[in-house]
PDB file of N, CA and C in Angstrom:
ATOM      1  N   MET A   1      80.754  73.466  77.686  1.00  0.00           N
ATOM      2  CA  MET A   1      82.184  73.692  77.660  1.00  0.00           C
ATOM      3  C   MET A   1      82.841  72.766  76.651  1.00  0.00           C
ATOM      4  N   SER A   2      83.925  73.209  76.150  1.00  0.00           N
ATOM      5  CA  SER A   2      84.683  72.441  75.177  1.00  0.00           C
ATOM      6  C   SER A   2      85.425  71.300  75.869  1.00  0.00           C
ATOM      7  N   GLN A   3      85.788  70.318  75.081  1.00  0.00           N
ATOM      8  CA  GLN A   3      86.549  69.195  75.633  1.00  0.00           C
ATOM      9  C   GLN A   3      87.968  69.601  76.022  1.00  0.00           C
ATOM     10  N   PHE A   4      88.391  70.779  75.586  1.00  0.00           N
ATOM     11  CA  PHE A   4      89.744  71.253  75.881  1.00  0.00           C
ATOM     12  C   PHE A   4      89.824  72.127  77.126  1.00  0.00           C
ATOM     13  N   THR A   5      88.690  72.483  77.688  1.00  0.00           N
ATOM     14  CA  THR A   5      88.675  73.421  78.802  1.00  0.00           C
ATOM     15  C   THR A   5      89.380  72.863  80.037  1.00  0.00           C
ATOM     16  N   LEU A   6      89.021  71.679  80.434  1.00  0.00           N
ATOM     17  CA  LEU A   6      89.621  71.093  81.639  1.00  0.00           C
ATOM     18  C   LEU A   6      91.113  70.816  81.473  1.00  0.00           C
ATOM     19  N   PRO A   7      91.549  70.191  80.365  1.00  0.00           N
ATOM     20  CA  PRO A   7      93.005  70.014  80.197  1.00  0.00           C
ATOM     21  C   PRO A   7      93.765  71.340  80.149  1.00  0.00           C
ATOM     22  N   LEU A   8      93.169  72.348  79.517  1.00  0.00           N
ATOM     23  CA  LEU A   8      93.824  73.656  79.460  1.00  0.00           C
ATOM     24  C   LEU A   8      93.938  74.265  80.847  1.00  0.00           C
ATOM     25  N   PHE A   9      92.890  74.126  81.646  1.00  0.00           N
ATOM     26  CA  PHE A   9      92.926  74.641  83.010  1.00  0.00           C
ATOM     27  C   PHE A   9      94.055  73.991  83.808  1.00  0.00           C
ATOM     28  N   PHE A  10      94.147  72.677  83.751  1.00  0.00           N
ATOM     29  CA  PHE A  10      95.183  71.993  84.526  1.00  0.00           C
ATOM     30  C   PHE A  10      96.589  72.260  83.973  1.00  0.00           C
ATOM     31  N   THR A  11      96.693  72.470  82.675  1.00  0.00           N
ATOM     32  CA  THR A  11      97.982  72.854  82.099  1.00  0.00           C
ATOM     33  C   THR A  11      98.415  74.224  82.604  1.00  0.00           C
ATOM     34  N   LEU A  12      97.477  75.168  82.630  1.00  0.00           N
ATOM     35  CA  LEU A  12      97.795  76.505  83.147  1.00  0.00           C
ATOM     36  C   LEU A  12      98.121  76.461  84.640  1.00  0.00           C
ATOM     37  N   PHE A  13      97.433  75.592  85.364  1.00  0.00           N
ATOM     38  CA  PHE A  13      97.720  75.434  86.797  1.00  0.00           C
ATOM     39  C   PHE A  13      99.138  74.901  86.999  1.00  0.00           C
ATOM     40  N   ALA A  14      99.515  73.899  86.198  1.00  0.00           N
ATOM     41  CA  ALA A  14     100.877  73.350  86.290  1.00  0.00           C
ATOM     42  C   ALA A  14     101.911  74.401  85.881  1.00  0.00           C
ATOM     43  N   LEU A  15     101.600  75.197  84.856  1.00  0.00           N
ATOM     44  CA  LEU A  15     102.511  76.268  84.448  1.00  0.00           C
ATOM     45  C   LEU A  15     102.696  77.289  85.562  1.00  0.00           C
ATOM     46  N   ALA A  16     101.642  77.559  86.303  1.00  0.00           N
ATOM     47  CA  ALA A  16     101.745  78.518  87.410  1.00  0.00           C
ATOM     48  C   ALA A  16     102.680  77.994  88.497  1.00  0.00           C
ATOM     49  N   ILE A  17     102.605  76.709  88.774  1.00  0.00           N
ATOM     50  CA  ILE A  17     103.498  76.118  89.778  1.00  0.00           C
ATOM     51  C   ILE A  17     104.948  76.164  89.294  1.00  0.00           C
ATOM     52  N   VAL A  18     105.161  75.810  88.027  1.00  0.00           N
ATOM     53  CA  VAL A  18     106.516  75.873  87.454  1.00  0.00           C
ATOM     54  C   VAL A  18     107.022  77.307  87.476  1.00  0.00           C
ATOM     55  N   TRP A  19     106.142  78.265  87.183  1.00  0.00           N
ATOM     56  CA  TRP A  19     106.513  79.687  87.208  1.00  0.00           C
ATOM     57  C   TRP A  19     107.020  80.082  88.588  1.00  0.00           C
ATOM     58  N   LEU A  20     106.303  79.682  89.640  1.00  0.00           N
ATOM     59  CA  LEU A  20     106.708  80.037  90.998  1.00  0.00           C
ATOM     60  C   LEU A  20     108.064  79.428  91.349  1.00  0.00           C
ATOM     61  N   VAL A  21     108.303  78.213  90.901  1.00  0.00           N
ATOM     62  CA  VAL A  21     109.607  77.586  91.143  1.00  0.00           C
ATOM     63  C   VAL A  21     110.700  78.355  90.398  1.00  0.00           C
ATOM     64  N   LEU A  22     110.426  78.728  89.147  1.00  0.00           N
ATOM     65  CA  LEU A  22     111.426  79.481  88.376  1.00  0.00           C
ATOM     66  C   LEU A  22     111.695  80.859  88.969  1.00  0.00           C
ATOM     67  N   VAL A  23     110.674  81.501  89.500  1.00  0.00           N
ATOM     68  CA  VAL A  23     110.878  82.795  90.166  1.00  0.00           C
ATOM     69  C   VAL A  23     111.795  82.620  91.366  1.00  0.00           C
ATOM     70  N   ASN A  24     111.556  81.573  92.140  1.00  0.00           N
ATOM     71  CA  ASN A  24     112.392  81.309  93.307  1.00  0.00           C
ATOM     72  C   ASN A  24     113.840  81.047  92.887  1.00  0.00           C
ATOM     73  N   VAL A  25     114.035  80.236  91.863  1.00  0.00           N
ATOM     74  CA  VAL A  25     115.389  79.935  91.382  1.00  0.00           C
ATOM     75  C   VAL A  25     116.065  81.203  90.869  1.00  0.00           C
ATOM     76  N   LEU A  26     115.314  82.038  90.154  1.00  0.00           N
ATOM     77  CA  LEU A  26     115.870  83.283  89.644  1.00  0.00           C
ATOM     78  C   LEU A  26     116.326  84.190  90.779  1.00  0.00           C
ATOM     79  N   PHE A  27     115.501  84.331  91.809  1.00  0.00           N
ATOM     80  CA  PHE A  27     115.889  85.187  92.931  1.00  0.00           C
ATOM     81  C   PHE A  27     117.096  84.632  93.676  1.00  0.00           C
ATOM     82  N   VAL A  28     117.188  83.315  93.801  1.00  0.00           N
ATOM     83  CA  VAL A  28     118.362  82.718  94.456  1.00  0.00           C
ATOM     84  C   VAL A  28     119.620  83.012  93.638  1.00  0.00           C
ATOM     85  N   ARG A  29     119.528  82.858  92.320  1.00  0.00           N
ATOM     86  CA  ARG A  29     120.684  83.140  91.463  1.00  0.00           C
ATOM     87  C   ARG A  29     121.069  84.614  91.510  1.00  0.00           C
ATOM     88  N   LEU A  30     120.055  85.484  91.481  1.00  0.00           N
ATOM     89  CA  LEU A  30     120.354  86.912  91.546  1.00  0.00           C
ATOM     90  C   LEU A  30     120.983  87.287  92.881  1.00  0.00           C
ATOM     91  N   ALA A  31     120.482  86.729  93.973  1.00  0.00           N
ATOM     92  CA  ALA A  31     121.038  87.041  95.292  1.00  0.00           C
ATOM     93  C   ALA A  31     122.488  86.581  95.394  1.00  0.00           C
ATOM     94  N   LYS A  32     122.778  85.444  94.779  1.00  0.00           N
ATOM     95  CA  LYS A  32     124.131  84.886  94.866  1.00  0.00           C
ATOM     96  C   LYS A  32     125.111  85.597  93.927  1.00  0.00           C
ATOM     97  N   ASN A  33     124.693  85.826  92.675  1.00  0.00           N
ATOM     98  CA  ASN A  33     125.628  86.320  91.658  1.00  0.00           C
ATOM     99  C   ASN A  33     125.514  87.812  91.354  1.00  0.00           C
ATOM    100  N   HIS A  34     124.353  88.407  91.604  1.00  0.00           N
ATOM    101  CA  HIS A  34     124.132  89.819  91.268  1.00  0.00           C
ATOM    102  C   HIS A  34     123.322  90.490  92.383  1.00  0.00           C
ATOM    103  N   PRO A  35     123.939  90.703  93.540  1.00  0.00           N
ATOM    104  CA  PRO A  35     123.191  91.245  94.685  1.00  0.00           C
ATOM    105  C   PRO A  35     122.612  92.635  94.450  1.00  0.00           C
ATOM    106  N   SER A  36     123.245  93.436  93.619  1.00  0.00           N
ATOM    107  CA  SER A  36     122.691  94.775  93.367  1.00  0.00           C
ATOM    108  C   SER A  36     121.372  94.679  92.599  1.00  0.00           C
ATOM    109  N   MET A  37     121.295  93.784  91.624  1.00  0.00           N
ATOM    110  CA  MET A  37     120.046  93.597  90.873  1.00  0.00           C
ATOM    111  C   MET A  37     118.990  92.961  91.772  1.00  0.00           C
ATOM    112  N   TYR A  38     119.420  92.051  92.618  1.00  0.00           N
ATOM    113  CA  TYR A  38     118.495  91.413  93.565  1.00  0.00           C
ATOM    114  C   TYR A  38     117.865  92.459  94.484  1.00  0.00           C
ATOM    115  N   SER A  39     118.677  93.352  95.014  1.00  0.00           N
ATOM    116  CA  SER A  39     118.131  94.376  95.914  1.00  0.00           C
ATOM    117  C   SER A  39     117.290  95.395  95.147  1.00  0.00           C
ATOM    118  N   GLU A  40     117.600  95.624  93.881  1.00  0.00           N
ATOM    119  CA  GLU A  40     116.810  96.547  93.070  1.00  0.00           C
ATOM    120  C   GLU A  40     115.410  95.990  92.789  1.00  0.00           C
ATOM    121  N   ILE A  41     115.346  94.690  92.530  1.00  0.00           N
ATOM    122  CA  ILE A  41     114.046  94.072  92.251  1.00  0.00           C
ATOM    123  C   ILE A  41     113.217  93.981  93.523  1.00  0.00           C
ATOM    124  N   GLY A  42     113.811  93.611  94.611  1.00  0.00           N
ATOM    125  CA  GLY A  42     113.087  93.488  95.863  1.00  0.00           C
ATOM    126  C   GLY A  42     113.044  92.053  96.351  1.00  0.00           C
ATOM    127  N   SER A  43     112.388  91.848  97.440  1.00  0.00           N
ATOM    128  CA  SER A  43     112.336  90.537  98.067  1.00  0.00           C
ATOM    129  C   SER A  43     111.264  89.666  97.410  1.00  0.00           C
ATOM    130  N   PRO A  44     111.581  88.388  97.188  1.00  0.00           N
ATOM    131  CA  PRO A  44     110.585  87.507  96.583  1.00  0.00           C
ATOM    132  C   PRO A  44     109.609  86.905  97.594  1.00  0.00           C
ATOM    133  N   ARG A  45     109.778  87.211  98.854  1.00  0.00           N
ATOM    134  CA  ARG A  45     108.925  86.597  99.877  1.00  0.00           C
ATOM    135  C   ARG A  45     107.530  87.195  99.821  1.00  0.00           C
ATOM    136  N   GLY A  46     106.551  86.325  99.718  1.00  0.00           N
ATOM    137  CA  GLY A  46     105.174  86.796  99.703  1.00  0.00           C
ATOM    138  C   GLY A  46     104.850  87.529  98.419  1.00  0.00           C
ATOM    139  N   PHE A  47     103.800  88.266  98.454  1.00  0.00           N
ATOM    140  CA  PHE A  47     103.388  89.053  97.295  1.00  0.00           C
ATOM    141  C   PHE A  47     103.573  90.520  97.636  1.00  0.00           C
ATOM    142  N   GLU A  48     104.815  90.944  97.599  1.00  0.00           N
ATOM    143  CA  GLU A  48     105.112  92.327  97.938  1.00  0.00           C
ATOM    144  C   GLU A  48     104.784  93.228  96.761  1.00  0.00           C
ATOM    145  N   ARG A  49     104.349  94.414  97.069  1.00  0.00           N
ATOM    146  CA  ARG A  49     103.919  95.347  96.030  1.00  0.00           C
ATOM    147  C   ARG A  49     105.052  95.754  95.102  1.00  0.00           C
ATOM    148  N   LYS A  50     106.246  95.836  95.629  1.00  0.00           N
ATOM    149  CA  LYS A  50     107.366  96.292  94.811  1.00  0.00           C
ATOM    150  C   LYS A  50     107.974  95.161  93.986  1.00  0.00           C
ATOM    151  N   ALA A  51     108.023  93.967  94.533  1.00  0.00           N
ATOM    152  CA  ALA A  51     108.762  92.881  93.898  1.00  0.00           C
ATOM    153  C   ALA A  51     108.129  92.401  92.596  1.00  0.00           C
ATOM    154  N   THR A  52     106.823  92.274  92.544  1.00  0.00           N
ATOM    155  CA  THR A  52     106.185  91.727  91.352  1.00  0.00           C
ATOM    156  C   THR A  52     106.328  92.648  90.136  1.00  0.00           C
ATOM    157  N   PRO A  53     105.980  93.937  90.234  1.00  0.00           N
ATOM    158  CA  PRO A  53     106.197  94.796  89.059  1.00  0.00           C
ATOM    159  C   PRO A  53     107.679  94.907  88.678  1.00  0.00           C
ATOM    160  N   SER A  54     108.539  94.921  89.671  1.00  0.00           N
ATOM    161  CA  SER A  54     109.979  94.996  89.385  1.00  0.00           C
ATOM    162  C   SER A  54     110.463  93.746  88.674  1.00  0.00           C
ATOM    163  N   LEU A  55     109.925  92.586  89.062  1.00  0.00           N
ATOM    164  CA  LEU A  55     110.297  91.339  88.396  1.00  0.00           C
ATOM    165  C   LEU A  55     109.870  91.373  86.934  1.00  0.00           C
ATOM    166  N   PHE A  56     108.658  91.821  86.673  1.00  0.00           N
ATOM    167  CA  PHE A  56     108.207  91.891  85.285  1.00  0.00           C
ATOM    168  C   PHE A  56     108.985  92.931  84.485  1.00  0.00           C
ATOM    169  N   ARG A  57     109.332  94.050  85.104  1.00  0.00           N
ATOM    170  CA  ARG A  57     110.181  95.033  84.404  1.00  0.00           C
ATOM    171  C   ARG A  57     111.546  94.415  84.087  1.00  0.00           C
ATOM    172  N   PHE A  58     112.075  93.633  85.014  1.00  0.00           N
ATOM    173  CA  PHE A  58     113.354  92.963  84.789  1.00  0.00           C
ATOM    174  C   PHE A  58     113.245  91.977  83.627  1.00  0.00           C
ATOM    175  N   LEU A  59     112.207  91.158  83.639  1.00  0.00           N
ATOM    176  CA  LEU A  59     112.075  90.120  82.617  1.00  0.00           C
ATOM    177  C   LEU A  59     111.740  90.681  81.247  1.00  0.00           C
ATOM    178  N   LEU A  60     110.899  91.713  81.196  1.00  0.00           N
ATOM    179  CA  LEU A  60     110.430  92.221  79.908  1.00  0.00           C
ATOM    180  C   LEU A  60     111.297  93.334  79.349  1.00  0.00           C
ATOM    181  N   SER A  61     112.385  93.644  80.032  1.00  0.00           N
ATOM    182  CA  SER A  61     113.334  94.633  79.518  1.00  0.00           C
ATOM    183  C   SER A  61     114.600  93.899  79.083  1.00  0.00           C
ATOM    184  N   ARG A  62     115.636  94.620  78.859  1.00  0.00           N
ATOM    185  CA  ARG A  62     116.922  94.022  78.466  1.00  0.00           C
ATOM    186  C   ARG A  62     117.885  93.912  79.649  1.00  0.00           C
ATOM    187  N   ARG A  63     117.360  93.987  80.855  1.00  0.00           N
ATOM    188  CA  ARG A  63     118.233  93.875  82.026  1.00  0.00           C
ATOM    189  C   ARG A  63     118.919  92.515  82.146  1.00  0.00           C
ATOM    190  N   PRO A  64     118.237  91.394  81.853  1.00  0.00           N
ATOM    191  CA  PRO A  64     118.959  90.114  81.940  1.00  0.00           C
ATOM    192  C   PRO A  64     120.162  90.054  81.003  1.00  0.00           C
ATOM    193  N   GLU A  65     120.027  90.664  79.825  1.00  0.00           N
ATOM    194  CA  GLU A  65     121.140  90.681  78.886  1.00  0.00           C
ATOM    195  C   GLU A  65     122.288  91.529  79.412  1.00  0.00           C
ATOM    196  N   SER A  66     121.952  92.605  80.136  1.00  0.00           N
ATOM    197  CA  SER A  66     122.999  93.506  80.631  1.00  0.00           C
ATOM    198  C   SER A  66     123.832  92.891  81.752  1.00  0.00           C
ATOM    199  N   LEU A  67     123.330  91.822  82.380  1.00  0.00           N
ATOM    200  CA  LEU A  67     124.082  91.189  83.471  1.00  0.00           C
ATOM    201  C   LEU A  67     125.269  90.380  82.963  1.00  0.00           C
ATOM    202  N   GLY A  68     125.193  89.906  81.731  1.00  0.00           N
ATOM    203  CA  GLY A  68     126.289  89.110  81.181  1.00  0.00           C
ATOM    204  C   GLY A  68     126.362  87.717  81.770  1.00  0.00           C
ATOM    205  N   ASP A  69     125.267  87.220  82.308  1.00  0.00           N
ATOM    206  CA  ASP A  69     125.211  85.891  82.922  1.00  0.00           C
ATOM    207  C   ASP A  69     124.352  84.999  82.030  1.00  0.00           C
ATOM    208  N   ALA A  70     124.978  84.008  81.406  1.00  0.00           N
ATOM    209  CA  ALA A  70     124.282  83.166  80.433  1.00  0.00           C
ATOM    210  C   ALA A  70     123.155  82.355  81.061  1.00  0.00           C
ATOM    211  N   SER A  71     123.342  81.868  82.283  1.00  0.00           N
ATOM    212  CA  SER A  71     122.303  81.042  82.904  1.00  0.00           C
ATOM    213  C   SER A  71     121.077  81.881  83.267  1.00  0.00           C
ATOM    214  N   ILE A  72     121.277  83.089  83.745  1.00  0.00           N
ATOM    215  CA  ILE A  72     120.144  83.957  84.064  1.00  0.00           C
ATOM    216  C   ILE A  72     119.448  84.395  82.777  1.00  0.00           C
ATOM    217  N   LEU A  73     120.209  84.666  81.739  1.00  0.00           N
ATOM    218  CA  LEU A  73     119.610  85.048  80.465  1.00  0.00           C
ATOM    219  C   LEU A  73     118.761  83.906  79.907  1.00  0.00           C
ATOM    220  N   ARG A  74     119.263  82.689  79.972  1.00  0.00           N
ATOM    221  CA  ARG A  74     118.516  81.526  79.496  1.00  0.00           C
ATOM    222  C   ARG A  74     117.227  81.351  80.293  1.00  0.00           C
ATOM    223  N   GLN A  75     117.332  81.488  81.606  1.00  0.00           N
ATOM    224  CA  GLN A  75     116.147  81.353  82.443  1.00  0.00           C
ATOM    225  C   GLN A  75     115.157  82.484  82.176  1.00  0.00           C
ATOM    226  N   ALA A  76     115.646  83.688  81.984  1.00  0.00           N
ATOM    227  CA  ALA A  76     114.760  84.815  81.683  1.00  0.00           C
ATOM    228  C   ALA A  76     114.030  84.588  80.363  1.00  0.00           C
ATOM    229  N   ASN A  77     114.711  84.042  79.374  1.00  0.00           N
ATOM    230  CA  ASN A  77     114.064  83.754  78.097  1.00  0.00           C
ATOM    231  C   ASN A  77     112.987  82.682  78.247  1.00  0.00           C
ATOM    232  N   VAL A  78     113.267  81.660  79.032  1.00  0.00           N
ATOM    233  CA  VAL A  78     112.255  80.632  79.300  1.00  0.00           C
ATOM    234  C   VAL A  78     111.058  81.242  80.018  1.00  0.00           C
ATOM    235  N   MET A  79     111.314  82.109  80.980  1.00  0.00           N
ATOM    236  CA  MET A  79     110.223  82.738  81.724  1.00  0.00           C
ATOM    237  C   MET A  79     109.421  83.687  80.837  1.00  0.00           C
ATOM    238  N   ARG A  80     110.062  84.338  79.894  1.00  0.00           N
ATOM    239  CA  ARG A  80     109.343  85.203  78.953  1.00  0.00           C
ATOM    240  C   ARG A  80     108.384  84.385  78.100  1.00  0.00           C
ATOM    241  N   VAL A  81     108.851  83.247  77.613  1.00  0.00           N
ATOM    242  CA  VAL A  81     108.008  82.375  76.804  1.00  0.00           C
ATOM    243  C   VAL A  81     106.860  81.823  77.655  1.00  0.00           C
ATOM    244  N   MET A  82     107.184  81.405  78.879  1.00  0.00           N
ATOM    245  CA  MET A  82     106.137  80.885  79.770  1.00  0.00           C
ATOM    246  C   MET A  82     105.088  81.949  80.079  1.00  0.00           C
ATOM    247  N   PHE A  83     105.518  83.169  80.303  1.00  0.00           N
ATOM    248  CA  PHE A  83     104.578  84.247  80.593  1.00  0.00           C
ATOM    249  C   PHE A  83     103.649  84.471  79.405  1.00  0.00           C
ATOM    250  N   SER A  84     104.213  84.490  78.208  1.00  0.00           N
ATOM    251  CA  SER A  84     103.392  84.667  77.006  1.00  0.00           C
ATOM    252  C   SER A  84     102.410  83.504  76.835  1.00  0.00           C
ATOM    253  N   ALA A  85     102.885  82.280  77.046  1.00  0.00           N
ATOM    254  CA  ALA A  85     102.015  81.110  76.932  1.00  0.00           C
ATOM    255  C   ALA A  85     100.908  81.147  77.970  1.00  0.00           C
ATOM    256  N   HIS A  86     101.232  81.616  79.166  1.00  0.00           N
ATOM    257  CA  HIS A  86     100.227  81.679  80.220  1.00  0.00           C
ATOM    258  C   HIS A  86      99.164  82.727  79.899  1.00  0.00           C
ATOM    259  N   VAL A  87      99.570  83.858  79.389  1.00  0.00           N
ATOM    260  CA  VAL A  87      98.598  84.899  79.026  1.00  0.00           C
ATOM    261  C   VAL A  87      97.702  84.415  77.887  1.00  0.00           C
ATOM    262  N   ILE A  88      98.300  83.845  76.852  1.00  0.00           N
ATOM    263  CA  ILE A  88      97.518  83.347  75.719  1.00  0.00           C
ATOM    264  C   ILE A  88      96.595  82.214  76.173  1.00  0.00           C
ATOM    265  N   GLY A  89      97.106  81.312  76.983  1.00  0.00           N
ATOM    266  CA  GLY A  89      96.284  80.219  77.493  1.00  0.00           C
ATOM    267  C   GLY A  89      95.150  80.712  78.369  1.00  0.00           C
ATOM    268  N   GLY A  90      95.411  81.730  79.172  1.00  0.00           N
ATOM    269  CA  GLY A  90      94.361  82.298  80.022  1.00  0.00           C
ATOM    270  C   GLY A  90      93.259  82.942  79.205  1.00  0.00           C
ATOM    271  N   VAL A  91      93.632  83.676  78.175  1.00  0.00           N
ATOM    272  CA  VAL A  91      92.633  84.284  77.289  1.00  0.00           C
ATOM    273  C   VAL A  91      91.826  83.191  76.582  1.00  0.00           C
ATOM    274  N   LEU A  92      92.498  82.162  76.119  1.00  0.00           N
ATOM    275  CA  LEU A  92      91.817  81.051  75.462  1.00  0.00           C
ATOM    276  C   LEU A  92      90.874  80.341  76.433  1.00  0.00           C
ATOM    277  N   LEU A  93      91.306  80.144  77.660  1.00  0.00           N
ATOM    278  CA  LEU A  93      90.458  79.497  78.658  1.00  0.00           C
ATOM    279  C   LEU A  93      89.193  80.318  78.923  1.00  0.00           C
ATOM    280  N   VAL A  94      89.358  81.616  79.076  1.00  0.00           N
ATOM    281  CA  VAL A  94      88.184  82.483  79.287  1.00  0.00           C
ATOM    282  C   VAL A  94      87.254  82.408  78.080  1.00  0.00           C
ATOM    283  N   TYR A  95      87.816  82.410  76.888  1.00  0.00           N
ATOM    284  CA  TYR A  95      86.997  82.310  75.678  1.00  0.00           C
ATOM    285  C   TYR A  95      86.242  80.986  75.643  1.00  0.00           C
ATOM    286  N   LEU A  96      86.925  79.876  75.934  1.00  0.00           N
ATOM    287  CA  LEU A  96      86.270  78.572  75.902  1.00  0.00           C
ATOM    288  C   LEU A  96      85.142  78.481  76.926  1.00  0.00           C
ATOM    289  N   ILE A  97      85.369  79.033  78.099  1.00  0.00           N
ATOM    290  CA  ILE A  97      84.332  78.997  79.125  1.00  0.00           C
ATOM    291  C   ILE A  97      83.161  79.902  78.725  1.00  0.00           C
ATOM    292  N   ALA A  98      83.463  81.095  78.217  1.00  0.00           N
ATOM    293  CA  ALA A  98      82.400  82.029  77.832  1.00  0.00           C
ATOM    294  C   ALA A  98      81.605  81.533  76.638  1.00  0.00           C
ATOM    295  N   SER A  99      82.272  80.907  75.692  1.00  0.00           N
ATOM    296  CA  SER A  99      81.560  80.440  74.500  1.00  0.00           C
ATOM    297  C   SER A  99      80.711  79.207  74.780  1.00  0.00           C
ATOM    298  N   GLY A 100      80.976  78.503  75.855  1.00  0.00           N
ATOM    299  CA  GLY A 100      80.205  77.316  76.194  1.00  0.00           C
ATOM    300  C   GLY A 100      79.145  77.557  77.239  1.00  0.00           C
ATOM    301  N   GLN A 101      78.859  78.804  77.573  1.00  0.00           N
ATOM    302  CA  GLN A 101      77.924  79.075  78.666  1.00  0.00           C
ATOM    303  C   GLN A 101      76.484  78.755  78.312  1.00  0.00           C
ATOM    304  N   TYR A 102      76.130  78.704  77.026  1.00  0.00           N
ATOM    305  CA  TYR A 102      74.755  78.444  76.651  1.00  0.00           C
ATOM    306  C   TYR A 102      74.523  76.987  76.239  1.00  0.00           C
ATOM    307  N   VAL A 103      75.538  76.162  76.398  1.00  0.00           N
ATOM    308  CA  VAL A 103      75.417  74.754  76.060  1.00  0.00           C
ATOM    309  C   VAL A 103      74.706  74.028  77.197  1.00  0.00           C
ATOM    310  N   ALA A 104      73.759  73.212  76.851  1.00  0.00           N
ATOM    311  CA  ALA A 104      72.978  72.501  77.879  1.00  0.00           C
ATOM    312  C   ALA A 104      73.698  71.300  78.397  1.00  0.00           C
TER     313      ALA A 104
END
């Protein structure tokens, strides 16, 4: 394994924890300021089948911009960047682990 594998793993783990906190904050803000969008996305409790795809549709579309709420838009942009970084980091982690499998 590469010397970067373990730090990358723990960085992705920390990003996942930050992601969960940001999801919670986003749902609290939506429930308080935009209840119709909150009910459209679904409940954030647990891993509900409807809430996760709806959250990604919300984040990866232009719905945050349509709300006209600067704080939610800023948070959505941060979450978009974090999601991209997490996907790229995950692919890199898999590559690093796979490429080091024959190292003694």
